[in-house]
C-alpha atoms as a PDB file:
ATOM      1  CA  UNK A   1     -88.986  22.278  57.070  1.00  0.00           C
ATOM      2  CA  UNK A   2     -87.076  25.933  57.863  1.00  0.00           C
ATOM      3  CA  UNK A   3     -83.750  27.186  57.570  1.00  0.00           C
ATOM      4  CA  UNK A   4     -81.143  24.499  59.286  1.00  0.00           C
ATOM      5  CA  UNK A   5     -78.157  24.614  61.542  1.00  0.00           C
ATOM      6  CA  UNK A   6     -74.879  25.519  61.855  1.00  0.00           C
ATOM      7  CA  UNK A   7     -72.133  25.046  59.136  1.00  0.00           C
ATOM      8  CA  UNK A   8     -72.681  24.305  55.470  1.00  0.00           C
ATOM      9  CA  UNK A   9     -71.965  21.432  53.411  1.00  0.00           C
ATOM     10  CA  UNK A  10     -68.040  20.822  53.151  1.00  0.00           C
ATOM     11  CA  UNK A  11     -67.859  18.960  50.433  1.00  0.00           C
ATOM     12  CA  UNK A  12     -69.072  20.695  47.595  1.00  0.00           C
ATOM     13  CA  UNK A  13     -69.821  19.512  44.072  1.00  0.00           C
ATOM     14  CA  UNK A  14     -66.782  22.090  43.308  1.00  0.00           C
ATOM     15  CA  UNK A  15     -64.258  20.743  45.450  1.00  0.00           C
ATOM     16  CA  UNK A  16     -65.169  16.823  44.427  1.00  0.00           C
ATOM     17  CA  UNK A  17     -65.036  17.943  40.394  1.00  0.00           C
ATOM     18  CA  UNK A  18     -61.595  19.544  41.230  1.00  0.00           C
ATOM     19  CA  UNK A  19     -60.881  16.394  43.098  1.00  0.00           C
ATOM     20  CA  UNK A  20     -61.298  14.488  39.769  1.00  0.00           C
ATOM     21  CA  UNK A  21     -59.489  16.379  37.801  1.00  0.00           C
ATOM     22  CA  UNK A  22     -56.531  16.436  40.070  1.00  0.00           C
ATOM     23  CA  UNK A  23     -56.881  12.355  40.093  1.00  0.00           C
ATOM     24  CA  UNK A  24     -57.258  12.482  35.958  1.00  0.00           C
ATOM     25  CA  UNK A  25     -53.983  14.635  35.644  1.00  0.00           C
ATOM     26  CA  UNK A  26     -51.874  12.454  38.308  1.00  0.00           C
ATOM     27  CA  UNK A  27     -52.931   9.636  35.864  1.00  0.00           C
ATOM     28  CA  UNK A  28     -50.894  10.924  33.131  1.00  0.00           C
ATOM     29  CA  UNK A  29     -51.799  10.320  29.510  1.00  0.00           C
ATOM     30  CA  UNK A  30     -54.392  12.983  27.120  1.00  0.00           C
ATOM     31  CA  UNK A  31     -57.762  10.332  27.557  1.00  0.00           C
ATOM     32  CA  UNK A  32     -60.303  13.151  27.384  1.00  0.00           C
ATOM     33  CA  UNK A  33     -62.624  10.450  27.299  1.00  0.00           C
ATOM     34  CA  UNK A  34     -61.932   9.070  30.794  1.00  0.00           C
ATOM     35  CA  UNK A  35     -61.197  12.526  32.552  1.00  0.00           C
ATOM     36  CA  UNK A  36     -65.270  13.748  31.324  1.00  0.00           C
ATOM     37  CA  UNK A  37     -66.195  10.444  32.682  1.00  0.00           C
ATOM     38  CA  UNK A  38     -64.835  10.745  35.801  1.00  0.00           C
ATOM     39  CA  UNK A  39     -65.642  14.541  36.178  1.00  0.00           C
ATOM     40  CA  UNK A  40     -69.430  13.530  35.420  1.00  0.00           C
ATOM     41  CA  UNK A  41     -69.333  10.549  38.122  1.00  0.00           C
ATOM     42  CA  UNK A  42     -68.347  13.668  40.782  1.00  0.00           C
ATOM     43  CA  UNK A  43     -71.435  15.840  39.742  1.00  0.00           C
ATOM     44  CA  UNK A  44     -73.625  12.691  39.816  1.00  0.00           C
ATOM     45  CA  UNK A  45     -72.401  11.410  43.199  1.00  0.00           C
ATOM     46  CA  UNK A  46     -72.932  15.372  44.912  1.00  0.00           C
ATOM     47  CA  UNK A  47     -76.432  15.368  43.556  1.00  0.00           C
ATOM     48  CA  UNK A  48     -79.274  14.363  46.006  1.00  0.00           C
ATOM     49  CA  UNK A  49     -82.854  14.215  45.678  1.00  0.00           C
ATOM     50  CA  UNK A  50     -85.545  14.227  48.268  1.00  0.00           C
ATOM     51  CA  UNK A  51     -85.903  10.532  47.835  1.00  0.00           C
ATOM     52  CA  UNK A  52     -82.331  10.045  48.993  1.00  0.00           C
ATOM     53  CA  UNK A  53     -82.530  11.758  52.440  1.00  0.00           C
ATOM     54  CA  UNK A  54     -82.807  10.013  55.829  1.00  0.00           C
ATOM     55  CA  UNK A  55     -85.539  12.163  57.158  1.00  0.00           C
ATOM     56  CA  UNK A  56     -85.622  10.046  60.328  1.00  0.00           C
ATOM     57  CA  UNK A  57     -82.120  11.687  61.529  1.00  0.00           C
ATOM     58  CA  UNK A  58     -83.229  14.849  61.918  1.00  0.00           C
ATOM     59  CA  UNK A  59     -82.914  16.468  65.297  1.00  0.00           C
ATOM     60  CA  UNK A  60     -86.231  18.886  65.415  1.00  0.00           C
ATOM     61  CA  UNK A  61     -85.188  19.994  69.082  1.00  0.00           C
ATOM     62  CA  UNK A  62     -81.872  20.851  67.734  1.00  0.00           C
ATOM     63  CA  UNK A  63     -83.270  22.656  64.814  1.00  0.00           C
ATOM     64  CA  UNK A  64     -85.895  24.777  67.089  1.00  0.00           C
ATOM     65  CA  UNK A  65     -82.838  25.509  69.612  1.00  0.00           C
ATOM     66  CA  UNK A  66     -80.413  26.949  66.780  1.00  0.00           C
ATOM     67  CA  UNK A  67     -83.281  28.502  64.724  1.00  0.00           C
ATOM     68  CA  UNK A  68     -86.467  29.489  66.712  1.00  0.00           C
ATOM     69  CA  UNK A  69     -85.375  29.709  70.358  1.00  0.00           C
ATOM     70  CA  UNK A  70     -85.727  33.485  70.000  1.00  0.00           C
ATOM     71  CA  UNK A  71     -86.803  35.848  67.413  1.00  0.00           C
ATOM     72  CA  UNK A  72     -83.696  37.045  64.975  1.00  0.00           C
ATOM     73  CA  UNK A  73     -84.402  40.138  62.984  1.00  0.00           C
ATOM     74  CA  UNK A  74     -84.269  38.095  59.561  1.00  0.00           C
ATOM     75  CA  UNK A  75     -87.536  36.468  60.875  1.00  0.00           C
ATOM     76  CA  UNK A  76     -88.409  39.851  62.001  1.00  0.00           C
ATOM     77  CA  UNK A  77     -88.344  41.032  58.449  1.00  0.00           C
ATOM     78  CA  UNK A  78     -90.117  37.845  56.939  1.00  0.00           C
ATOM     79  CA  UNK A  79     -92.912  38.415  59.299  1.00  0.00           C
ATOM     80  CA  UNK A  80     -93.589  42.396  58.033  1.00  0.00           C
ATOM     81  CA  UNK A  81     -93.548  41.485  54.300  1.00  0.00           C
ATOM     82  CA  UNK A  82     -95.823  38.254  55.341  1.00  0.00           C
ATOM     83  CA  UNK A  83     -98.181  39.831  57.851  1.00  0.00           C
ATOM     84  CA  UNK A  84     -98.683  42.903  55.604  1.00  0.00           C
ATOM     85  CA  UNK A  85     -99.268  40.726  52.430  1.00  0.00           C
ATOM     86  CA  UNK A  86    -101.777  38.713  53.727  1.00  0.00           C
ATOM     87  CA  UNK A  87    -103.497  41.608  55.409  1.00  0.00           C
ATOM     88  CA  UNK A  88    -103.749  43.143  51.922  1.00  0.00           C
ATOM     89  CA  UNK A  89    -104.509  40.158  50.033  1.00  0.00           C
ATOM     90  CA  UNK A  90    -107.407  38.867  51.951  1.00  0.00           C
ATOM     91  CA  UNK A  91    -108.701  42.128  53.221  1.00  0.00           C
ATOM     92  CA  UNK A  92    -108.916  41.073  56.495  1.00  0.00           C
ATOM     93  CA  UNK A  93    -111.184  38.389  55.695  1.00  0.00           C
ATOM     94  CA  UNK A  94    -111.587  34.824  56.952  1.00  0.00           C
ATOM     95  CA  UNK A  95    -110.967  32.757  53.275  1.00  0.00           C
ATOM     96  CA  UNK A  96    -111.036  29.279  54.729  1.00  0.00           C
ATOM     97  CA  UNK A  97    -108.611  26.062  55.232  1.00  0.00           C
ATOM     98  CA  UNK A  98    -104.824  27.206  55.199  1.00  0.00           C
ATOM     99  CA  UNK A  99    -101.969  25.163  54.367  1.00  0.00           C
ATOM    100  CA  UNK A 100     -98.314  25.154  55.695  1.00  0.00           C
ATOM    101  CA  UNK A 101     -95.694  22.881  53.803  1.00  0.00           C
ATOM    102  CA  UNK A 102     -92.947  21.494  55.755  1.00  0.00           C
ATOM    103  CA  UNK A 103     -93.862  22.892  58.960  1.00  0.00           C
ATOM    104  CA  UNK A 104     -91.103  21.532  60.882  1.00  0.00           C
ATOM    105  CA  UNK A 105     -90.091  23.053  63.981  1.00  0.00           C
ATOM    106  CA  UNK A 106     -91.349  26.246  62.593  1.00  0.00           C
ATOM    107  CA  UNK A 107     -94.857  27.715  63.896  1.00  0.00           C
ATOM    108  CA  UNK A 108     -94.499  31.652  63.055  1.00  0.00           C
ATOM    109  CA  UNK A 109     -95.758  31.135  59.347  1.00  0.00           C
ATOM    110  CA  UNK A 110     -98.946  29.141  60.711  1.00  0.00           C
ATOM    111  CA  UNK A 111     -99.740  32.343  62.944  1.00  0.00           C
ATOM    112  CA  UNK A 112     -99.471  34.606  60.222  1.00  0.00           C
ATOM    113  CA  UNK A 113    -102.587  32.989  58.881  1.00  0.00           C
ATOM    114  CA  UNK A 114    -104.622  32.486  62.299  1.00  0.00           C
ATOM    115  CA  UNK A 115    -107.078  35.392  61.452  1.00  0.00           C
ATOM    116  CA  UNK A 116    -107.977  34.214  57.979  1.00  0.00           C
ATOM    117  CA  UNK A 117    -108.352  30.097  58.017  1.00  0.00           C
ATOM    118  CA  UNK A 118    -111.038  28.095  60.058  1.00  0.00           C
ATOM    119  CA  UNK A 119    -108.500  25.029  59.898  1.00  0.00           C
ATOM    120  CA  UNK A 120    -104.915  24.811  59.113  1.00  0.00           C
ATOM    121  CA  UNK A 121    -102.846  21.395  57.889  1.00  0.00           C
ATOM    122  CA  UNK A 122     -99.383  21.588  59.256  1.00  0.00           C
ATOM    123  CA  UNK A 123     -97.708  19.126  56.395  1.00  0.00           C
ATOM    124  CA  UNK A 124     -94.643  17.461  57.697  1.00  0.00           C
ATOM    125  CA  UNK A 125     -92.827  14.466  55.996  1.00  0.00           C
ATOM    126  CA  UNK A 126     -90.548  13.503  58.767  1.00  0.00           C
ATOM    127  CA  UNK A 127     -91.442  11.675  61.818  1.00  0.00           C
ATOM    128  CA  UNK A 128     -89.136  13.335  64.318  1.00  0.00           C
ATOM    129  CA  UNK A 129     -91.036  16.683  63.113  1.00  0.00           C
ATOM    130  CA  UNK A 130     -94.329  15.597  62.974  1.00  0.00           C
ATOM    131  CA  UNK A 131     -93.606  14.293  66.599  1.00  0.00           C
ATOM    132  CA  UNK A 132     -92.098  17.772  67.658  1.00  0.00           C
ATOM    133  CA  UNK A 133     -95.194  19.748  66.651  1.00  0.00           C
ATOM    134  CA  UNK A 134     -97.579  17.090  68.260  1.00  0.00           C
ATOM    135  CA  UNK A 135     -95.551  17.710  71.398  1.00  0.00           C
ATOM    136  CA  UNK A 136     -95.205  21.882  70.744  1.00  0.00           C
ATOM    137  CA  UNK A 137     -99.037  22.996  70.124  1.00  0.00           C
ATOM    138  CA  UNK A 138    -100.204  22.038  73.935  1.00  0.00           C
ATOM    139  CA  UNK A 139     -97.104  23.184  75.474  1.00  0.00           C
ATOM    140  CA  UNK A 140     -95.095  26.043  73.055  1.00  0.00           C
ATOM    141  CA  UNK A 141     -91.802  27.605  74.116  1.00  0.00           C
ATOM    142  CA  UNK A 142     -91.715  31.043  75.500  1.00  0.00           C
ATOM    143  CA  UNK A 143     -89.830  32.124  72.572  1.00  0.00           C
ATOM    144  CA  UNK A 144     -93.152  31.801  70.429  1.00  0.00           C
ATOM    145  CA  UNK A 145     -94.406  35.069  72.199  1.00  0.00           C
ATOM    146  CA  UNK A 146     -92.245  37.471  70.879  1.00  0.00           C
ATOM    147  CA  UNK A 147     -92.908  36.167  67.245  1.00  0.00           C
ATOM    148  CA  UNK A 148     -96.617  36.584  67.856  1.00  0.00           C
ATOM    149  CA  UNK A 149     -95.600  40.098  69.286  1.00  0.00           C
ATOM    150  CA  UNK A 150     -94.018  40.880  65.956  1.00  0.00           C
ATOM    151  CA  UNK A 151     -97.064  39.387  63.654  1.00  0.00           C
ATOM    152  CA  UNK A 152     -99.234  41.754  65.724  1.00  0.00           C
ATOM    153  CA  UNK A 153     -97.727  44.790  66.004  1.00  0.00           C
ATOM    154  CA  UNK A 154     -99.751  47.510  63.750  1.00  0.00           C
ATOM    155  CA  UNK A 155    -102.045  44.723  62.344  1.00  0.00           C
ATOM    156  CA  UNK A 156    -105.823  45.111  63.225  1.00  0.00           C
ATOM    157  CA  UNK A 157    -106.915  41.478  62.104  1.00  0.00           C
ATOM    158  CA  UNK A 158    -104.586  39.367  64.483  1.00  0.00           C
ATOM    159  CA  UNK A 159    -105.768  41.823  67.871  1.00  0.00           C
ATOM    160  CA  UNK A 160    -108.650  39.893  68.564  1.00  0.00           C
ATOM    161  CA  UNK A 161    -106.919  36.775  68.768  1.00  0.00           C
ATOM    162  CA  UNK A 162    -106.299  36.416  72.510  1.00  0.00           C
ATOM    163  CA  UNK A 163    -105.155  33.417  73.015  1.00  0.00           C
ATOM    164  CA  UNK A 164    -103.313  32.617  69.835  1.00  0.00           C
ATOM    165  CA  UNK A 165    -101.656  29.007  71.025  1.00  0.00           C
ATOM    166  CA  UNK A 166    -105.176  27.810  71.709  1.00  0.00           C
ATOM    167  CA  UNK A 167    -106.433  29.121  68.618  1.00  0.00           C
ATOM    168  CA  UNK A 168    -103.447  26.783  66.812  1.00  0.00           C
ATOM    169  CA  UNK A 169    -103.788  24.332  68.821  1.00  0.00           C
ATOM    170  CA  UNK A 170    -107.800  23.813  67.967  1.00  0.00           C
ATOM    171  CA  UNK A 171    -107.294  24.970  64.455  1.00  0.00           C
ATOM    172  CA  UNK A 172    -104.013  22.889  63.095  1.00  0.00           C
ATOM    173  CA  UNK A 173    -104.111  19.356  62.173  1.00  0.00           C
ATOM    174  CA  UNK A 174    -100.469  18.005  61.859  1.00  0.00           C
ATOM    175  CA  UNK A 175    -100.233  15.443  58.835  1.00  0.00           C
ATOM    176  CA  UNK A 176     -97.676  13.328  57.571  1.00  0.00           C
ATOM    177  CA  UNK A 177     -97.212  14.381  53.639  1.00  0.00           C
ATOM    178  CA  UNK A 178     -95.027  15.298  50.717  1.00  0.00           C
ATOM    179  CA  UNK A 179     -94.328  18.768  49.154  1.00  0.00           C
ATOM    180  CA  UNK A 180     -94.077  16.606  45.829  1.00  0.00           C
ATOM    181  CA  UNK A 181     -97.389  14.857  46.168  1.00  0.00           C
ATOM    182  CA  UNK A 182    -100.284  17.651  47.301  1.00  0.00           C
ATOM    183  CA  UNK A 183    -103.554  17.457  46.132  1.00  0.00           C
ATOM    184  CA  UNK A 184    -104.113  20.084  43.760  1.00  0.00           C
ATOM    185  CA  UNK A 185    -106.679  22.864  44.320  1.00  0.00           C
ATOM    186  CA  UNK A 186    -107.417  22.054  47.945  1.00  0.00           C
ATOM    187  CA  UNK A 187    -106.324  25.172  50.282  1.00  0.00           C
ATOM    188  CA  UNK A 188    -107.714  28.964  50.418  1.00  0.00           C
ATOM    189  CA  UNK A 189    -104.477  30.379  51.563  1.00  0.00           C
ATOM    190  CA  UNK A 190    -100.714  28.899  51.898  1.00  0.00           C
ATOM    191  CA  UNK A 191     -97.489  29.181  53.293  1.00  0.00           C
ATOM    192  CA  UNK A 192     -93.745  27.144  52.561  1.00  0.00           C
ATOM    193  CA  UNK A 193     -90.657  28.431  54.488  1.00  0.00           C
ATOM    194  CA  UNK A 194     -86.872  26.867  53.581  1.00  0.00           C
ATOM    195  CA  UNK A 195     -88.634  24.148  52.185  1.00  0.00           C
ATOM    196  CA  UNK A 196     -87.953  23.660  48.267  1.00  0.00           C
ATOM    197  CA  UNK A 197     -84.522  25.048  48.213  1.00  0.00           C
ATOM    198  CA  UNK A 198     -83.430  22.759  51.697  1.00  0.00           C
ATOM    199  CA  UNK A 199     -84.505  18.837  50.576  1.00  0.00           C
ATOM    200  CA  UNK A 200     -82.525  18.353  47.456  1.00  0.00           C
ATOM    201  CA  UNK A 201     -79.467  19.331  45.575  1.00  0.00           C
ATOM    202  CA  UNK A 202     -81.549  19.053  42.017  1.00  0.00           C
ATOM    203  CA  UNK A 203     -83.024  22.171  40.311  1.00  0.00           C
ATOM    204  CA  UNK A 204     -85.738  20.518  38.634  1.00  0.00           C
ATOM    205  CA  UNK A 205     -86.818  19.423  41.996  1.00  0.00           C
ATOM    206  CA  UNK A 206     -86.577  22.514  43.416  1.00  0.00           C
ATOM    207  CA  UNK A 207     -88.699  23.749  40.640  1.00  0.00           C
ATOM    208  CA  UNK A 208     -91.455  20.529  41.243  1.00  0.00           C
ATOM    209  CA  UNK A 209     -91.609  21.313  45.299  1.00  0.00           C
ATOM    210  CA  UNK A 210     -92.686  24.908  44.112  1.00  0.00           C
ATOM    211  CA  UNK A 211     -95.339  24.550  41.635  1.00  0.00           C
ATOM    212  CA  UNK A 212     -96.750  21.599  43.830  1.00  0.00           C
ATOM    213  CA  UNK A 213     -97.148  23.755  46.545  1.00  0.00           C
ATOM    214  CA  UNK A 214     -98.977  26.878  44.851  1.00  0.00           C
ATOM    215  CA  UNK A 215    -101.079  24.311  42.898  1.00  0.00           C
ATOM    216  CA  UNK A 216    -102.521  22.721  46.053  1.00  0.00           C
ATOM    217  CA  UNK A 217    -103.966  26.293  46.632  1.00  0.00           C
ATOM    218  CA  UNK A 218    -107.499  27.195  44.912  1.00  0.00           C
ATOM    219  CA  UNK A 219    -107.364  29.274  41.841  1.00  0.00           C
ATOM    220  CA  UNK A 220    -106.642  33.213  42.939  1.00  0.00           C
ATOM    221  CA  UNK A 221    -105.636  31.969  46.312  1.00  0.00           C
ATOM    222  CA  UNK A 222    -102.850  34.373  48.526  1.00  0.00           C
ATOM    223  CA  UNK A 223     -99.526  32.481  48.890  1.00  0.00           C
ATOM    224  CA  UNK A 224     -96.113  33.001  50.848  1.00  0.00           C
ATOM    225  CA  UNK A 225     -92.627  31.282  50.551  1.00  0.00           C
ATOM    226  CA  UNK A 226     -89.641  31.899  52.487  1.00  0.00           C
ATOM    227  CA  UNK A 227     -85.971  30.381  50.861  1.00  0.00           C
ATOM    228  CA  UNK A 228     -82.640  30.849  51.681  1.00  0.00           C
ATOM    229  CA  UNK A 229     -80.459  32.365  49.072  1.00  0.00           C
ATOM    230  CA  UNK A 230     -77.531  30.454  47.927  1.00  0.00           C
ATOM    231  CA  UNK A 231     -77.449  28.062  50.257  1.00  0.00           C
ATOM    232  CA  UNK A 232     -74.594  25.064  49.845  1.00  0.00           C
ATOM    233  CA  UNK A 233     -76.450  22.672  52.747  1.00  0.00           C
ATOM    234  CA  UNK A 234     -76.836  22.840  56.171  1.00  0.00           C
ATOM    235  CA  UNK A 235     -75.983  20.247  59.208  1.00  0.00           C
ATOM    236  CA  UNK A 236     -78.772  19.414  62.108  1.00  0.00           C
ATOM    237  CA  UNK A 237     -76.813  18.203  65.238  1.00  0.00           C
ATOM    238  CA  UNK A 238     -74.001  16.870  62.677  1.00  0.00           C
ATOM    239  CA  UNK A 239     -76.268  15.372  60.219  1.00  0.00           C
ATOM    240  CA  UNK A 240     -75.530  16.918  56.522  1.00  0.00           C
ATOM    241  CA  UNK A 241     -78.806  17.668  54.926  1.00  0.00           C
ATOM    242  CA  UNK A 242     -78.614  18.899  51.030  1.00  0.00           C
ATOM    243  CA  UNK A 243     -79.707  22.510  49.651  1.00  0.00           C
ATOM    244  CA  UNK A 244     -80.064  23.624  45.951  1.00  0.00           C
ATOM    245  CA  UNK A 245     -78.234  26.863  45.498  1.00  0.00           C
ATOM    246  CA  UNK A 246     -80.693  29.413  44.147  1.00  0.00           C
ATOM    247  CA  UNK A 247     -81.182  33.304  43.901  1.00  0.00           C
ATOM    248  CA  UNK A 248     -84.201  35.372  42.609  1.00  0.00           C
ATOM    249  CA  UNK A 249     -84.438  34.408  39.302  1.00  0.00           C
ATOM    250  CA  UNK A 250     -84.825  30.843  39.990  1.00  0.00           C
ATOM    251  CA  UNK A 251     -87.618  31.594  42.389  1.00  0.00           C
ATOM    252  CA  UNK A 252     -89.194  33.563  39.598  1.00  0.00           C
ATOM    253  CA  UNK A 253     -88.947  30.875  36.982  1.00  0.00           C
ATOM    254  CA  UNK A 254     -90.233  28.444  39.628  1.00  0.00           C
ATOM    255  CA  UNK A 255     -93.464  30.138  40.278  1.00  0.00           C
ATOM    256  CA  UNK A 256     -93.843  31.748  36.382  1.00  0.00           C
ATOM    257  CA  UNK A 257     -95.944  28.832  35.182  1.00  0.00           C
ATOM    258  CA  UNK A 258     -98.264  28.726  38.319  1.00  0.00           C
ATOM    259  CA  UNK A 259     -98.689  32.124  40.145  1.00  0.00           C
ATOM    260  CA  UNK A 260     -99.115  36.058  39.239  1.00  0.00           C
ATOM    261  CA  UNK A 261     -98.869  39.032  40.971  1.00  0.00           C
ATOM    262  CA  UNK A 262     -95.352  37.805  42.190  1.00  0.00           C
ATOM    263  CA  UNK A 263     -93.209  39.887  44.486  1.00  0.00           C
ATOM    264  CA  UNK A 264     -89.895  38.935  45.734  1.00  0.00           C
ATOM    265  CA  UNK A 265     -88.058  40.437  48.628  1.00  0.00           C
ATOM    266  CA  UNK A 266     -84.347  39.790  49.576  1.00  0.00           C
ATOM    267  CA  UNK A 267     -83.813  40.010  53.572  1.00  0.00           C
ATOM    268  CA  UNK A 268     -80.219  40.671  55.099  1.00  0.00           C
ATOM    269  CA  UNK A 269     -79.081  37.579  56.789  1.00  0.00           C
ATOM    270  CA  UNK A 270     -75.462  36.135  57.421  1.00  0.00           C
ATOM    271  CA  UNK A 271     -74.922  35.126  61.278  1.00  0.00           C
ATOM    272  CA  UNK A 272     -77.459  31.943  61.154  1.00  0.00           C
ATOM    273  CA  UNK A 273     -74.877  29.886  59.994  1.00  0.00           C
ATOM    274  CA  UNK A 274     -72.023  29.508  57.366  1.00  0.00           C
ATOM    275  CA  UNK A 275     -72.768  28.622  53.160  1.00  0.00           C
ATOM    276  CA  UNK A 276     -75.547  31.265  52.428  1.00  0.00           C
ATOM    277  CA  UNK A 277     -76.141  34.610  50.968  1.00  0.00           C
ATOM    278  CA  UNK A 278     -79.402  35.858  52.774  1.00  0.00           C
ATOM    279  CA  UNK A 279     -82.956  34.906  52.634  1.00  0.00           C
ATOM    280  CA  UNK A 280     -85.421  35.492  50.020  1.00  0.00           C
ATOM    281  CA  UNK A 281     -89.503  36.055  50.567  1.00  0.00           C
ATOM    282  CA  UNK A 282     -91.536  35.565  47.839  1.00  0.00           C
ATOM    283  CA  UNK A 283     -95.523  36.760  47.788  1.00  0.00           C
ATOM    284  CA  UNK A 284     -97.939  35.868  45.157  1.00  0.00           C
ATOM    285  CA  UNK A 285    -101.250  34.473  44.097  1.00  0.00           C
ATOM    286  CA  UNK A 286    -102.118  30.943  42.399  1.00  0.00           C
ATOM    287  CA  UNK A 287    -102.977  31.782  38.512  1.00  0.00           C
END
């Protein structure tokens, strides 16, 4: 599932720890052991794993409206990076089966792979997002035309596709699945946009998600991933969802065991919502 919506999480770990310290200090005395326990509990209370999240409450249409109802400059820059990379990595040739992990309500990662994939898996855990995709594929919103025009601009491999939405509908299969249980060595090209850092607050789970995604590809195959930078969580239609705050070094560390020739680009973005410091795009090949 892609970037997100509206304001960032107001109840951060830092705020909760400060509250715990205040409570402990107000109690008087010098019981450092009790103080430590309060702080540790405060941190634990703010740790949310993917399994803890009720993805059934995710409002897919609200998410689309906020994030993809129009082509934004940050998405335009991401398209430039990913479109150019795939053109170089594939040399314009059809490479086989593709996967977009956590497709959510975002069609443009899949659209960047159309010239290179004979079949395309749109993997999604949330039922609301799968239902949205099944409605969207036969009747896409008009905003996707702007995304396609941006993808196609200056890239000869996309020009033969005169009706990208028909091709996408024919090749795409909306599939229920979880990034943390992906089968290894199955796909020839892949994307994962704003997923690994937007399903958990846990760094170890973020790393697992990134590595499972890359491992789902065959040896030497290309991938592109996008991430929110320093995200503190997000709201969709009033419901809060977690995020793991990451920077370039975290993305590089997560990819190191499974990927090679990795390039990370920082994309300027500050007006999608509160609580993040830009976006990042990582491209590379599976080891």
